Protein backbone atom coordinates (compact mmCIF):
# COMPACT_ATOMS: atom_id res chain seq x y z
CA MET A 1 0.17 0.10 -0.04
CA TYR A 2 1.03 3.41 -0.54
CA ARG A 3 0.01 7.14 -0.89
CA LYS A 4 0.01 8.56 -3.99
CA ASP A 5 -0.53 12.11 -4.47
CA ASN A 6 1.67 15.00 -5.59
CA ASN A 7 4.60 13.92 -3.28
CA HIS A 8 4.26 10.46 -3.01
CA GLU A 9 4.70 7.63 -5.79
CA ALA A 10 4.74 3.71 -5.49
CA PRO A 11 8.29 2.71 -5.43
CA ARG A 12 9.65 0.57 -8.15
CA LYS A 13 9.32 -2.81 -7.13
CA VAL A 14 10.06 -6.46 -8.05
CA THR A 15 8.17 -9.29 -6.74
CA TYR A 16 7.79 -12.68 -6.48
CA VAL A 17 4.95 -15.33 -5.23
CA SER A 18 5.83 -18.91 -5.25
CA PRO A 19 3.86 -21.83 -5.75
CA LYS A 20 2.68 -24.00 -2.57
CA VAL A 21 4.98 -26.96 -2.60
CA ASN A 22 4.18 -29.62 0.46
CA GLY A 23 2.25 -26.88 2.39
CA PHE A 24 5.07 -24.28 1.82
CA GLN A 25 4.82 -20.74 0.19
CA LEU A 26 7.82 -18.26 -0.19
CA GLY A 27 6.69 -14.44 -0.97
CA LEU A 28 9.68 -12.32 -2.21
CA SER A 29 9.63 -8.52 -2.85
CA TYR A 30 12.91 -6.07 -3.58
CA ILE A 31 12.50 -2.59 -4.09
CA PRO A 32 15.83 -0.70 -5.09
CA ASP A 33 15.54 2.55 -3.75
CA SER A 34 12.38 4.03 -2.28
CA SER A 35 13.11 7.80 -2.40
CA ASN A 36 10.20 8.46 -4.59
CA THR A 37 8.17 7.67 -1.58
CA GLY A 38 6.37 4.67 -1.39
CA SER A 39 5.55 2.03 1.33
CA ALA A 40 9.43 1.49 2.90
CA VAL A 41 9.29 5.01 3.77
CA ASP A 42 9.46 6.53 7.38
CA TYR A 43 7.19 9.38 7.32
CA GLN A 44 8.31 11.01 10.71
CA LEU A 45 11.40 12.27 8.37
CA PRO A 46 10.98 14.89 5.96
CA LYS A 47 11.40 13.87 2.45
CA ALA A 48 14.79 15.09 1.78
CA PHE A 49 16.20 12.91 4.66
CA ARG A 50 14.29 9.65 3.49
CA ARG A 51 15.54 7.23 1.68
CA LEU A 52 15.92 3.23 1.77
CA LYS A 53 18.47 1.33 -0.69
CA ASN A 54 17.95 -2.74 -1.29
CA VAL A 55 14.86 -3.28 0.92
CA VAL A 56 13.92 -6.85 0.83
CA SER A 57 10.94 -8.43 2.13
CA ALA A 58 10.22 -11.82 2.94
CA ILE A 59 7.90 -14.24 4.03
CA VAL A 60 7.73 -18.16 4.47
CA ILE A 61 4.44 -19.79 5.14
CA TYR A 62 3.56 -22.97 5.76
CA GLY A 63 -0.06 -24.78 6.06
CA ASN A 64 -0.99 -28.14 6.50
CA LYS A 65 -3.82 -30.36 8.31
CA ILE A 66 -1.60 -32.30 11.47
CA ASN A 67 -3.23 -34.33 13.63
CA GLY A 68 -6.45 -33.37 12.71
CA PHE A 69 -5.74 -29.35 12.92
CA ASP A 70 -5.71 -26.98 10.37
CA THR A 71 -2.39 -25.39 10.86
CA ALA A 72 -0.67 -22.27 9.66
CA LEU A 73 2.73 -20.64 10.08
CA SER A 74 4.62 -17.56 9.12
CA LEU A 75 7.75 -15.54 9.10
CA GLY A 76 8.33 -12.53 7.54
CA ILE A 77 11.41 -10.20 7.70
CA ASP A 78 12.14 -6.68 6.16
CA LYS A 79 15.68 -5.19 5.37
CA GLY A 80 16.96 -2.31 3.86
CA THR A 81 19.45 0.61 4.23
CA TYR A 82 19.00 3.59 5.37
CA PHE A 83 20.74 6.57 2.91
CA GLN A 84 20.80 9.74 4.21
CA THR A 85 21.36 12.55 1.76
CA ARG A 86 21.90 15.92 4.00
CA LYS A 87 23.31 16.42 6.77
CA ALA A 88 21.19 15.16 9.94
CA MET A 89 21.24 12.78 12.59
CA PRO A 90 22.25 9.20 11.22
CA HIS A 91 19.66 7.08 11.72
CA TYR A 92 19.43 2.89 11.96
CA ASP A 93 18.75 0.67 9.15
CA LEU A 94 15.68 -0.86 8.13
CA GLN A 95 15.10 -4.32 9.79
CA ASP A 96 11.95 -6.06 11.30
CA TYR A 97 10.39 -9.15 11.62
CA ASN A 98 7.04 -10.66 12.38
CA ILE A 99 5.78 -13.98 13.25
CA GLY A 100 1.96 -15.36 13.15
CA VAL A 101 0.38 -18.81 13.87
CA MET A 102 -2.95 -20.49 13.17
CA LEU A 103 -4.98 -23.54 14.49
CA GLY A 104 -8.17 -24.66 13.33
CA LYS A 105 -10.51 -27.32 13.95
CA GLN A 106 -14.50 -28.08 13.79
CA GLY A 107 -15.03 -24.25 13.04
CA VAL A 108 -13.04 -23.02 15.90
CA ASN A 109 -10.09 -20.94 15.15
CA PHE A 110 -7.13 -19.52 17.08
CA ALA A 111 -4.64 -17.20 15.69
CA ALA A 112 -1.75 -15.20 17.75
CA SER A 113 1.28 -12.54 16.05
CA TYR A 114 3.98 -11.13 17.21
CA GLY A 115 6.02 -8.32 15.09
CA ASN A 116 9.27 -6.38 16.53
CA ALA A 117 10.85 -3.45 14.50
CA GLY A 118 13.21 -2.62 17.48
CA LYS A 119 15.35 0.21 16.50
CA SER A 120 14.52 0.07 12.68
CA LEU A 121 14.76 3.54 11.25
CA LYS A 122 15.03 5.44 14.38
CA GLU A 123 18.00 8.17 15.14
CA LYS A 124 21.35 6.70 16.46
CA GLY A 125 22.49 8.41 19.63
CA ASP A 126 24.18 7.19 22.83
CA TYR A 127 21.39 7.95 25.40
CA ASN A 128 18.16 6.12 23.75
CA LYS A 129 17.48 2.60 23.61
CA TYR A 130 14.58 1.92 21.08
CA LYS A 131 11.46 -0.48 21.45
CA GLU A 132 8.52 -1.28 18.82
CA TYR A 133 6.79 -4.06 18.83
CA TYR A 134 3.03 -5.41 18.78
CA TYR A 135 1.49 -8.66 19.64
CA SER A 136 -2.36 -9.90 19.09
CA VAL A 137 -4.16 -12.86 19.58
CA GLY A 138 -7.71 -13.96 18.61
CA VAL A 139 -10.39 -16.60 18.48
CA ALA A 140 -13.08 -17.21 16.17
CA TYR A 141 -15.99 -19.50 15.66
CA ASN A 142 -17.16 -20.03 11.71
CA GLN A 143 -20.30 -21.88 10.86
CA GLU A 144 -22.47 -21.59 7.41
CA LYS A 145 -24.16 -18.91 8.26
CA TYR A 146 -22.43 -16.68 10.95
CA ASN A 147 -19.39 -16.00 12.52
CA VAL A 148 -18.05 -14.85 15.63
CA SER A 149 -14.39 -13.33 16.71
CA LEU A 150 -13.00 -11.91 19.66
CA SER A 151 -9.30 -10.47 19.41
CA TYR A 152 -6.76 -8.51 21.45
CA LEU A 153 -4.35 -5.99 20.04
CA GLY A 154 -1.34 -4.60 22.18
CA SER A 155 1.68 -2.34 21.16
CA LYS A 156 4.57 -0.20 22.31
CA ILE A 157 6.56 2.33 20.75
CA GLY A 158 9.43 4.91 22.43
CA LYS A 159 12.51 4.82 23.69
CA VAL A 160 14.33 4.95 27.20
CA ASN A 161 16.86 7.86 27.62
CA ARG A 162 19.49 7.42 30.46
CA LEU A 163 18.80 11.31 31.27
CA SER A 164 15.42 11.72 30.74
CA GLY A 165 14.20 8.37 31.52
CA ASP A 166 11.52 6.39 29.42
CA ASN A 167 8.99 7.31 26.99
CA TYR A 168 6.41 4.68 25.69
CA THR A 169 3.22 4.56 24.06
CA ILE A 170 1.54 1.67 24.97
CA LEU A 171 -1.65 0.93 23.31
CA LYS A 172 -4.55 -2.00 24.04
CA ALA A 173 -7.36 -2.87 22.24
CA TYR A 174 -10.10 -5.44 22.42
CA SER A 175 -12.51 -6.09 19.67
CA LEU A 176 -15.60 -8.33 19.27
CA GLY A 177 -17.24 -9.16 15.73
CA ALA A 178 -19.66 -10.90 14.04
CA ASP A 179 -21.76 -11.55 11.09
CA TYR A 180 -24.70 -13.56 10.11
CA GLN A 181 -25.95 -14.36 6.20
CA ILE A 182 -29.42 -13.35 6.11
CA LEU A 183 -30.35 -14.76 2.77
CA LYS A 184 -28.07 -16.08 0.01
CA GLY A 185 -26.09 -13.08 -1.13
CA LEU A 186 -27.07 -11.04 1.86
CA GLN A 187 -24.94 -10.41 5.13
CA VAL A 188 -24.77 -8.46 7.78
CA TYR A 189 -22.04 -7.49 10.48
CA ALA A 190 -20.95 -5.49 13.37
CA GLU A 191 -17.92 -4.98 15.31
CA GLY A 192 -17.26 -3.05 18.23
CA THR A 193 -13.42 -2.10 20.04
CA ALA A 194 -12.47 -0.64 22.70
CA TYR A 195 -9.36 0.78 23.25
CA ASN A 196 -6.70 2.52 25.80
CA VAL A 197 -3.84 4.86 24.76
CA ALA A 198 -1.18 5.91 27.45
CA ASN A 199 2.18 7.47 27.16
CA SER A 200 4.73 6.32 30.32
CA TYR A 201 6.44 10.01 30.38
CA ILE A 202 3.16 11.95 30.79
CA GLN A 203 1.85 9.43 33.36
CA LYS A 204 5.22 9.81 35.41
CA THR A 205 5.40 14.01 34.76
CA ILE A 206 1.79 14.08 36.02
CA LEU A 207 2.40 11.98 39.04
CA ALA A 208 5.72 13.72 39.95
CA VAL A 209 3.95 17.14 39.84
CA PHE A 210 0.38 16.60 41.15
CA GLY A 211 1.18 13.30 43.26
CA LYS A 212 -2.18 11.66 42.03
CA SER A 213 -3.01 9.33 39.27
CA ASN A 214 -6.82 10.07 38.76
CA ILE A 215 -5.98 13.38 36.86
CA LEU A 216 -4.31 11.56 34.07
CA PRO A 217 -5.64 12.35 30.60
CA ASN A 218 -8.24 9.98 29.71
CA ASN A 219 -7.40 8.24 26.19
CA LYS A 220 -9.82 5.87 26.12
CA GLY A 221 -12.40 5.15 23.69
CA PHE A 222 -14.76 2.65 21.81
CA VAL A 223 -15.60 2.24 18.49
CA PHE A 224 -18.63 0.64 16.75
CA ILE A 225 -19.30 -0.07 13.27
CA MET A 226 -22.22 -2.28 11.72
CA GLY A 227 -23.02 -2.69 8.21
CA GLY A 228 -24.45 -5.24 5.65
CA LYS A 229 -22.98 -6.69 2.22
CA ILE A 230 -24.71 -7.68 -0.37
CA HIS A 231 -22.95 -10.06 -3.36
CA PHE A 232 -24.53 -11.61 -6.68
């Protein structure tokens, strides 16, 4: 995915997806230069400082039935060289990975995933130690006419500075969704998500100044969507 407007274009990219062999499938993608600002760009930096060379993305997927369970495993990695065109704080190269697993039997499916970007594309510095990761778990029950799912997503992004302390943003989100086929070709669905976002630096500062925790900013919310789908 990429943004296409006056300042953003799709990067030149070569992609290969292998056929399935004994349950295994391989996907490869290569971007020689992302300076024309596509999906491999760190948008937090000015365009003049954004450039990745020789970006390689790879994913291996395995799917099979093991002891009566539908099983799927995946491992994906991204690597690329950060190239800076002007004088600025140096940055780390692109380097991240993600893993996933799915087990299913008789309409019940369990899935979990974990991804870690670490210090990828962050500013280099002696005082900062970066963390950036996410994890998710979910369970779903699938029948011919209806499906129900429950999932949790958590993430943590930020840094620890030996001088100013930690500064992390933490997200927690819980989702419950369902869909039902009323008639052939007519389906309705609904999903609700409750989320909570907190920043460790803001929390520590308010506690230090006021000595209370009940005046912390309330970054909680709930999102509900409902709709229908018609297909022929």
